[in-house]
Amino acid sequence: MTYVISDIHGCYDKYEKMLEKIGFSDDDTLYVLGDVLDFGPQPLAVLHDMSLRANVIPILGNHEYAAHEIISQFSMVELTEDGIKAKPGSDIDLETYILEVQDWVDIGGGPTIKEFRQLSDEEREGYLDYLEEFSLYEKVKVNGKVFILTHSGLPKGATIKNLDTFDAYEFTAATVYYDRQQFQDIILVTGHYPILNMEEEKRSKIYRKDNHIAMDTNAVFGKNLSCICLDTDEEYYV
């Protein structure tokens, strides 16, 4: 079976329960539509479990993009109780870096920073290498239906023929549109934008409209972690 899940945000317990609920096995494939990190208490536990499973296909979210940009420069700075200082000989633009760190913290990066700071340099590099393996999108065909799986929707000007011309920033900064149909015969599956601005009854359920399936149901904010089976169209909630 082929499953899709999104926006786990460090909710390892919900992630673990979801794998149990769907009976995930080595014969299945799970696509994770990004935002594995940040906000929740155990972002690296989720990331570690995913990295051990060859049949889990990770797709880059804006939180992973921010994490990689910041953490890959940890070796150039010293993180102290008094703040961030450039290491001797480092040519990092410290002012810009501090602003980037603050921006990341403002969108939930605190728990991820805390866990990464506790790692050895070797462990940290291992996770960074794994983050670099994340796809920007995946095109999947199941039972004759074609799906485009991505985190934040499609970059401006994207078509089915030019998706490979856009970079990581363009994909993770893309806007999810609920008021337009982007494909006639392809189903777009996204996360990123919580179904938070919908009516109350829709906020914890997968949202479907105009060949678009929206997966972010606010798991880290006390609502459901959601999963869909592309083979059966069945929805699962934890």
C-alpha atoms as a PDB file:
ATOM      1  CA  MET A   1       0.000   0.000   0.000  1.00  0.00           C
ATOM      2  CA  THR A   2       1.043   3.599  -0.576  1.00  0.00           C
ATOM      3  CA  TYR A   3       0.467   6.042   2.265  1.00  0.00           C
ATOM      4  CA  VAL A   4       0.917   9.799   2.692  1.00  0.00           C
ATOM      5  CA  ILE A   5       1.374  11.720   5.934  1.00  0.00           C
ATOM      6  CA  SER A   6       2.390  15.315   6.572  1.00  0.00           C
ATOM      7  CA  ASP A   7       3.385  17.895   9.191  1.00  0.00           C
ATOM      8  CA  ILE A   8       4.354  15.555  12.016  1.00  0.00           C
ATOM      9  CA  HIS A   9       6.207  18.418  13.742  1.00  0.00           C
ATOM     10  CA  GLY A  10       8.004  16.390  16.362  1.00  0.00           C
ATOM     11  CA  CYS A  11       4.898  14.482  17.500  1.00  0.00           C
ATOM     12  CA  TYR A  12       6.725  11.168  17.713  1.00  0.00           C
ATOM     13  CA  ASP A  13       4.005   9.461  19.774  1.00  0.00           C
ATOM     14  CA  LYS A  14       1.339  10.256  17.179  1.00  0.00           C
ATOM     15  CA  TYR A  15       3.677   9.216  14.364  1.00  0.00           C
ATOM     16  CA  GLU A  16       4.388   5.886  16.070  1.00  0.00           C
ATOM     17  CA  LYS A  17       0.702   5.267  16.719  1.00  0.00           C
ATOM     18  CA  MET A  18      -0.119   6.057  13.091  1.00  0.00           C
ATOM     19  CA  LEU A  19       2.373   3.490  11.809  1.00  0.00           C
ATOM     20  CA  GLU A  20       0.752   0.942  14.111  1.00  0.00           C
ATOM     21  CA  LYS A  21      -2.750   1.947  13.043  1.00  0.00           C
ATOM     22  CA  ILE A  22      -2.089   1.492   9.326  1.00  0.00           C
ATOM     23  CA  GLY A  23      -0.070  -1.681   9.950  1.00  0.00           C
ATOM     24  CA  PHE A  24       2.898  -0.221   8.120  1.00  0.00           C
ATOM     25  CA  SER A  25       5.193  -2.950   6.838  1.00  0.00           C
ATOM     26  CA  ASP A  26       8.222  -3.423   4.608  1.00  0.00           C
ATOM     27  CA  ASP A  27       5.847  -4.054   1.702  1.00  0.00           C
ATOM     28  CA  ASP A  28       4.319  -0.573   2.001  1.00  0.00           C
ATOM     29  CA  THR A  29       5.590   2.866   1.016  1.00  0.00           C
ATOM     30  CA  LEU A  30       5.084   5.999   3.082  1.00  0.00           C
ATOM     31  CA  TYR A  31       5.563   9.500   1.686  1.00  0.00           C
ATOM     32  CA  VAL A  32       6.115  12.171   4.333  1.00  0.00           C
ATOM     33  CA  LEU A  33       5.262  15.642   3.003  1.00  0.00           C
ATOM     34  CA  GLY A  34       7.714  17.613   5.108  1.00  0.00           C
ATOM     35  CA  ASP A  35       7.620  19.568   8.360  1.00  0.00           C
ATOM     36  CA  VAL A  36       8.854  16.634  10.369  1.00  0.00           C
ATOM     37  CA  LEU A  37      10.765  19.060  12.614  1.00  0.00           C
ATOM     38  CA  ASP A  38       9.977  21.919  15.017  1.00  0.00           C
ATOM     39  CA  PHE A  39       7.242  22.782  17.510  1.00  0.00           C
ATOM     40  CA  GLY A  40       6.796  19.293  18.967  1.00  0.00           C
ATOM     41  CA  PRO A  41       8.971  17.698  21.676  1.00  0.00           C
ATOM     42  CA  GLN A  42      10.723  14.926  19.704  1.00  0.00           C
ATOM     43  CA  PRO A  43      11.642  16.078  16.203  1.00  0.00           C
ATOM     44  CA  LEU A  44      14.833  14.006  15.984  1.00  0.00           C
ATOM     45  CA  ALA A  45      13.068  10.843  17.148  1.00  0.00           C
ATOM     46  CA  VAL A  46      10.773  11.129  14.122  1.00  0.00           C
ATOM     47  CA  LEU A  47      13.650  11.986  11.799  1.00  0.00           C
ATOM     48  CA  HIS A  48      15.744   9.098  13.111  1.00  0.00           C
ATOM     49  CA  ASP A  49      12.959   6.560  12.629  1.00  0.00           C
ATOM     50  CA  MET A  50      12.319   7.777   9.102  1.00  0.00           C
ATOM     51  CA  SER A  51      16.012   7.561   8.231  1.00  0.00           C
ATOM     52  CA  LEU A  52      16.080   3.877   9.168  1.00  0.00           C
ATOM     53  CA  ARG A  53      13.257   2.955   6.810  1.00  0.00           C
ATOM     54  CA  ALA A  54      14.103   2.589   3.118  1.00  0.00           C
ATOM     55  CA  ASN A  55      10.384   2.607   2.273  1.00  0.00           C
ATOM     56  CA  VAL A  56       9.766   6.038   3.832  1.00  0.00           C
ATOM     57  CA  ILE A  57      10.199   8.749   1.191  1.00  0.00           C
ATOM     58  CA  PRO A  58      10.789  12.184   2.723  1.00  0.00           C
ATOM     59  CA  ILE A  59       9.784  15.405   0.969  1.00  0.00           C
ATOM     60  CA  LEU A  60      11.292  18.734   1.986  1.00  0.00           C
ATOM     61  CA  GLY A  61       9.242  21.134   4.079  1.00  0.00           C
ATOM     62  CA  ASN A  62      10.031  24.726   4.942  1.00  0.00           C
ATOM     63  CA  HIS A  63      10.973  23.679   8.480  1.00  0.00           C
ATOM     64  CA  GLU A  64      13.570  21.194   7.214  1.00  0.00           C
ATOM     65  CA  TYR A  65      14.850  23.826   4.802  1.00  0.00           C
ATOM     66  CA  ALA A  66      15.293  26.326   7.640  1.00  0.00           C
ATOM     67  CA  ALA A  67      16.863  23.710   9.894  1.00  0.00           C
ATOM     68  CA  HIS A  68      19.450  22.693   7.325  1.00  0.00           C
ATOM     69  CA  GLU A  69      20.354  26.301   6.542  1.00  0.00           C
ATOM     70  CA  ILE A  70      20.934  27.113  10.220  1.00  0.00           C
ATOM     71  CA  ILE A  71      22.411  23.874  11.549  1.00  0.00           C
ATOM     72  CA  SER A  72      24.885  23.464   8.688  1.00  0.00           C
ATOM     73  CA  GLN A  73      26.560  26.621  10.012  1.00  0.00           C
ATOM     74  CA  PHE A  74      26.748  25.496  13.656  1.00  0.00           C
ATOM     75  CA  SER A  75      30.445  24.711  13.193  1.00  0.00           C
ATOM     76  CA  MET A  76      31.096  28.399  12.445  1.00  0.00           C
ATOM     77  CA  VAL A  77      29.542  29.753  15.629  1.00  0.00           C
ATOM     78  CA  GLU A  78      29.501  29.227  19.351  1.00  0.00           C
ATOM     79  CA  LEU A  79      26.102  28.947  21.009  1.00  0.00           C
ATOM     80  CA  THR A  80      26.388  30.209  24.571  1.00  0.00           C
ATOM     81  CA  GLU A  81      23.970  31.266  27.278  1.00  0.00           C
ATOM     82  CA  ASP A  82      24.822  34.854  26.355  1.00  0.00           C
ATOM     83  CA  GLY A  83      23.947  34.390  22.688  1.00  0.00           C
ATOM     84  CA  ILE A  84      25.638  33.442  19.437  1.00  0.00           C
ATOM     85  CA  LYS A  85      29.272  34.284  18.731  1.00  0.00           C
ATOM     86  CA  ALA A  86      31.367  33.697  15.617  1.00  0.00           C
ATOM     87  CA  LYS A  87      34.254  31.286  16.112  1.00  0.00           C
ATOM     88  CA  PRO A  88      37.738  32.678  15.540  1.00  0.00           C
ATOM     89  CA  GLY A  89      38.575  32.653  11.835  1.00  0.00           C
ATOM     90  CA  SER A  90      34.951  32.242  10.769  1.00  0.00           C
ATOM     91  CA  ASP A  91      33.740  34.446   7.914  1.00  0.00           C
ATOM     92  CA  ILE A  92      30.060  34.046   8.779  1.00  0.00           C
ATOM     93  CA  ASP A  93      27.833  37.117   8.570  1.00  0.00           C
ATOM     94  CA  LEU A  94      26.879  36.912  12.231  1.00  0.00           C
ATOM     95  CA  GLU A  95      24.198  39.606  12.162  1.00  0.00           C
ATOM     96  CA  THR A  96      22.339  37.912   9.313  1.00  0.00           C
ATOM     97  CA  TYR A  97      22.775  34.490  10.907  1.00  0.00           C
ATOM     98  CA  ILE A  98      21.309  35.658  14.221  1.00  0.00           C
ATOM     99  CA  LEU A  99      18.285  37.072  12.409  1.00  0.00           C
ATOM    100  CA  GLU A 100      17.832  33.776  10.560  1.00  0.00           C
ATOM    101  CA  VAL A 101      18.042  31.836  13.826  1.00  0.00           C
ATOM    102  CA  GLN A 102      15.472  34.143  15.399  1.00  0.00           C
ATOM    103  CA  ASP A 103      13.161  33.734  12.423  1.00  0.00           C
ATOM    104  CA  TRP A 104      13.449  29.956  12.777  1.00  0.00           C
ATOM    105  CA  VAL A 105      12.765  30.091  16.512  1.00  0.00           C
ATOM    106  CA  ASP A 106       9.707  32.231  15.800  1.00  0.00           C
ATOM    107  CA  ILE A 107       8.271  29.448  13.598  1.00  0.00           C
ATOM    108  CA  GLY A 108       8.871  26.699  16.154  1.00  0.00           C
ATOM    109  CA  GLY A 109      12.548  25.832  15.747  1.00  0.00           C
ATOM    110  CA  GLY A 110      13.376  25.881  19.463  1.00  0.00           C
ATOM    111  CA  PRO A 111      12.923  22.136  20.193  1.00  0.00           C
ATOM    112  CA  THR A 112      14.964  21.194  17.118  1.00  0.00           C
ATOM    113  CA  ILE A 113      17.815  23.540  18.069  1.00  0.00           C
ATOM    114  CA  LYS A 114      17.827  22.111  21.584  1.00  0.00           C
ATOM    115  CA  GLU A 115      18.101  18.527  20.330  1.00  0.00           C
ATOM    116  CA  PHE A 116      20.742  19.297  17.697  1.00  0.00           C
ATOM    117  CA  ARG A 117      22.902  21.083  20.270  1.00  0.00           C
ATOM    118  CA  GLN A 118      23.052  17.854  22.283  1.00  0.00           C
ATOM    119  CA  LEU A 119      24.481  15.860  19.364  1.00  0.00           C
ATOM    120  CA  SER A 120      28.090  15.192  18.508  1.00  0.00           C
ATOM    121  CA  ASP A 121      29.455  16.730  15.309  1.00  0.00           C
ATOM    122  CA  GLU A 122      29.314  13.297  13.652  1.00  0.00           C
ATOM    123  CA  GLU A 123      25.695  12.711  14.636  1.00  0.00           C
ATOM    124  CA  ARG A 124      24.757  16.184  13.479  1.00  0.00           C
ATOM    125  CA  GLU A 125      26.374  15.636  10.089  1.00  0.00           C
ATOM    126  CA  GLY A 126      24.480  12.374   9.718  1.00  0.00           C
ATOM    127  CA  TYR A 127      21.144  14.139  10.115  1.00  0.00           C
ATOM    128  CA  LEU A 128      22.197  16.944   7.768  1.00  0.00           C
ATOM    129  CA  ASP A 129      23.149  14.363   5.142  1.00  0.00           C
ATOM    130  CA  TYR A 130      19.726  12.782   5.521  1.00  0.00           C
ATOM    131  CA  LEU A 131      17.969  16.129   5.137  1.00  0.00           C
ATOM    132  CA  GLU A 132      19.820  16.622   1.860  1.00  0.00           C
ATOM    133  CA  GLU A 133      18.162  13.450   0.558  1.00  0.00           C
ATOM    134  CA  PHE A 134      14.666  14.931   0.874  1.00  0.00           C
ATOM    135  CA  SER A 135      12.820  15.303  -2.428  1.00  0.00           C
ATOM    136  CA  LEU A 136      11.155  18.536  -3.511  1.00  0.00           C
ATOM    137  CA  TYR A 137       8.209  16.608  -4.912  1.00  0.00           C
ATOM    138  CA  GLU A 138       7.246  13.104  -5.978  1.00  0.00           C
ATOM    139  CA  LYS A 139       5.057  12.002  -8.870  1.00  0.00           C
ATOM    140  CA  VAL A 140       3.237   8.794  -7.992  1.00  0.00           C
ATOM    141  CA  LYS A 141       0.842   6.637 -10.004  1.00  0.00           C
ATOM    142  CA  VAL A 142      -1.498   4.389  -8.012  1.00  0.00           C
ATOM    143  CA  ASN A 143      -4.383   2.405  -9.500  1.00  0.00           C
ATOM    144  CA  GLY A 144      -4.322   4.529 -12.646  1.00  0.00           C
ATOM    145  CA  LYS A 145      -4.450   7.819 -10.733  1.00  0.00           C
ATOM    146  CA  VAL A 146      -1.523  10.251 -10.887  1.00  0.00           C
ATOM    147  CA  PHE A 147      -0.558  12.222  -7.781  1.00  0.00           C
ATOM    148  CA  ILE A 148       1.902  15.070  -7.299  1.00  0.00           C
ATOM    149  CA  LEU A 149       3.107  15.049  -3.696  1.00  0.00           C
ATOM    150  CA  THR A 150       4.800  18.140  -2.333  1.00  0.00           C
ATOM    151  CA  HIS A 151       4.906  20.154   0.851  1.00  0.00           C
ATOM    152  CA  SER A 152       3.841  23.706   0.081  1.00  0.00           C
ATOM    153  CA  GLY A 153       2.001  23.501  -3.198  1.00  0.00           C
ATOM    154  CA  LEU A 154       3.622  24.391  -6.498  1.00  0.00           C
ATOM    155  CA  PRO A 155       5.950  27.326  -7.239  1.00  0.00           C
ATOM    156  CA  LYS A 156       4.517  30.168  -9.279  1.00  0.00           C
ATOM    157  CA  GLY A 157       4.635  29.281 -12.960  1.00  0.00           C
ATOM    158  CA  ALA A 158       5.037  25.556 -12.329  1.00  0.00           C
ATOM    159  CA  THR A 159       3.542  23.058 -14.756  1.00  0.00           C
ATOM    160  CA  ILE A 160       3.772  19.301 -14.898  1.00  0.00           C
ATOM    161  CA  LYS A 161       6.587  19.674 -17.458  1.00  0.00           C
ATOM    162  CA  ASN A 162       8.847  22.156 -15.672  1.00  0.00           C
ATOM    163  CA  LEU A 163       8.772  21.054 -12.013  1.00  0.00           C
ATOM    164  CA  ASP A 164      12.455  20.131 -12.075  1.00  0.00           C
ATOM    165  CA  THR A 165      13.469  23.713 -12.909  1.00  0.00           C
ATOM    166  CA  PHE A 166      12.533  25.060  -9.455  1.00  0.00           C
ATOM    167  CA  ASP A 167      14.812  25.001  -6.424  1.00  0.00           C
ATOM    168  CA  ALA A 168      14.252  24.063  -2.785  1.00  0.00           C
ATOM    169  CA  TYR A 169      13.406  27.568  -1.647  1.00  0.00           C
ATOM    170  CA  GLU A 170      10.834  28.035  -4.417  1.00  0.00           C
ATOM    171  CA  PHE A 171       9.103  24.789  -3.475  1.00  0.00           C
ATOM    172  CA  THR A 172       9.102  25.321   0.288  1.00  0.00           C
ATOM    173  CA  ALA A 173       7.965  28.944  -0.035  1.00  0.00           C
ATOM    174  CA  ALA A 174       5.157  28.148  -2.481  1.00  0.00           C
ATOM    175  CA  THR A 175       1.570  29.042  -1.653  1.00  0.00           C
ATOM    176  CA  VAL A 176      -1.136  26.438  -1.185  1.00  0.00           C
ATOM    177  CA  TYR A 177      -4.281  27.494  -3.011  1.00  0.00           C
ATOM    178  CA  TYR A 178      -7.670  26.099  -2.076  1.00  0.00           C
ATOM    179  CA  ASP A 179      -9.617  28.253  -4.517  1.00  0.00           C
ATOM    180  CA  ARG A 180      -8.230  26.989  -7.794  1.00  0.00           C
ATOM    181  CA  GLN A 181      -7.738  23.690  -9.573  1.00  0.00           C
ATOM    182  CA  GLN A 182      -4.170  23.330 -10.774  1.00  0.00           C
ATOM    183  CA  PHE A 183      -4.546  20.069 -12.698  1.00  0.00           C
ATOM    184  CA  GLN A 184      -7.436  18.445 -14.540  1.00  0.00           C
ATOM    185  CA  ASP A 185      -6.218  14.860 -14.419  1.00  0.00           C
ATOM    186  CA  ILE A 186      -3.630  14.927 -11.623  1.00  0.00           C
ATOM    187  CA  ILE A 187      -4.313  15.041  -7.904  1.00  0.00           C
ATOM    188  CA  LEU A 188      -2.152  17.472  -5.911  1.00  0.00           C
ATOM    189  CA  VAL A 189      -1.405  16.388  -2.327  1.00  0.00           C
ATOM    190  CA  THR A 190       0.080  18.970   0.029  1.00  0.00           C
ATOM    191  CA  GLY A 191       0.765  19.781   3.664  1.00  0.00           C
ATOM    192  CA  HIS A 192       2.275  22.984   5.066  1.00  0.00           C
ATOM    193  CA  TYR A 193      -0.757  25.207   5.359  1.00  0.00           C
ATOM    194  CA  PRO A 194      -2.779  24.085   8.396  1.00  0.00           C
ATOM    195  CA  ILE A 195      -6.443  23.680   7.746  1.00  0.00           C
ATOM    196  CA  LEU A 196      -6.656  26.209  10.562  1.00  0.00           C
ATOM    197  CA  ASN A 197      -8.533  28.905   8.712  1.00  0.00           C
ATOM    198  CA  MET A 198     -11.279  26.559   7.618  1.00  0.00           C
ATOM    199  CA  GLU A 199     -14.535  26.058   9.473  1.00  0.00           C
ATOM    200  CA  GLU A 200     -14.005  24.450  12.888  1.00  0.00           C
ATOM    201  CA  GLU A 201     -15.305  21.024  11.850  1.00  0.00           C
ATOM    202  CA  LYS A 202     -12.785  20.835   8.983  1.00  0.00           C
ATOM    203  CA  ARG A 203      -9.665  21.715  10.940  1.00  0.00           C
ATOM    204  CA  SER A 204      -8.803  18.200  12.062  1.00  0.00           C
ATOM    205  CA  LYS A 205      -9.793  16.328   8.905  1.00  0.00           C
ATOM    206  CA  ILE A 206      -8.175  15.948   5.504  1.00  0.00           C
ATOM    207  CA  TYR A 207      -9.581  18.535   3.108  1.00  0.00           C
ATOM    208  CA  ARG A 208     -10.411  17.670  -0.509  1.00  0.00           C
ATOM    209  CA  LYS A 209     -11.415  20.015  -3.290  1.00  0.00           C
ATOM    210  CA  ASP A 210     -10.707  20.429  -7.024  1.00  0.00           C
ATOM    211  CA  ASN A 211      -8.182  17.580  -7.316  1.00  0.00           C
ATOM    212  CA  HIS A 212      -6.372  18.808  -4.218  1.00  0.00           C
ATOM    213  CA  ILE A 213      -5.878  16.870  -0.981  1.00  0.00           C
ATOM    214  CA  ALA A 214      -4.692  18.981   1.977  1.00  0.00           C
ATOM    215  CA  MET A 215      -3.020  16.940   4.729  1.00  0.00           C
ATOM    216  CA  ASP A 216      -1.961  19.319   7.521  1.00  0.00           C
ATOM    217  CA  THR A 217      -4.592  18.809  10.211  1.00  0.00           C
ATOM    218  CA  ASN A 218      -2.771  20.547  13.071  1.00  0.00           C
ATOM    219  CA  ALA A 219      -1.377  17.509  14.879  1.00  0.00           C
ATOM    220  CA  VAL A 220       1.057  19.550  16.946  1.00  0.00           C
ATOM    221  CA  PHE A 221      -1.704  21.902  18.051  1.00  0.00           C
ATOM    222  CA  GLY A 222      -3.795  19.232  19.729  1.00  0.00           C
ATOM    223  CA  LYS A 223      -5.714  17.993  16.722  1.00  0.00           C
ATOM    224  CA  ASN A 224      -5.250  14.982  14.429  1.00  0.00           C
ATOM    225  CA  LEU A 225      -2.238  13.563  12.702  1.00  0.00           C
ATOM    226  CA  SER A 226      -3.677  12.395   9.397  1.00  0.00           C
ATOM    227  CA  CYS A 227      -2.751   9.755   6.854  1.00  0.00           C
ATOM    228  CA  ILE A 228      -4.279   8.688   3.562  1.00  0.00           C
ATOM    229  CA  CYS A 229      -3.884   5.442   1.631  1.00  0.00           C
ATOM    230  CA  LEU A 230      -3.645   6.253  -2.072  1.00  0.00           C
ATOM    231  CA  ASP A 231      -4.645   2.701  -3.040  1.00  0.00           C
ATOM    232  CA  THR A 232      -7.949   2.641  -1.141  1.00  0.00           C
ATOM    233  CA  ASP A 233      -8.572   6.367  -0.533  1.00  0.00           C
ATOM    234  CA  GLU A 234      -9.046   5.535   3.141  1.00  0.00           C
ATOM    235  CA  GLU A 235      -8.242   8.185   5.738  1.00  0.00           C
ATOM    236  CA  TYR A 236      -6.661   7.494   9.113  1.00  0.00           C
ATOM    237  CA  TYR A 237      -6.478   9.742  12.168  1.00  0.00           C
ATOM    238  CA  VAL A 238      -4.545   9.681  15.447  1.00  0.00           C
END
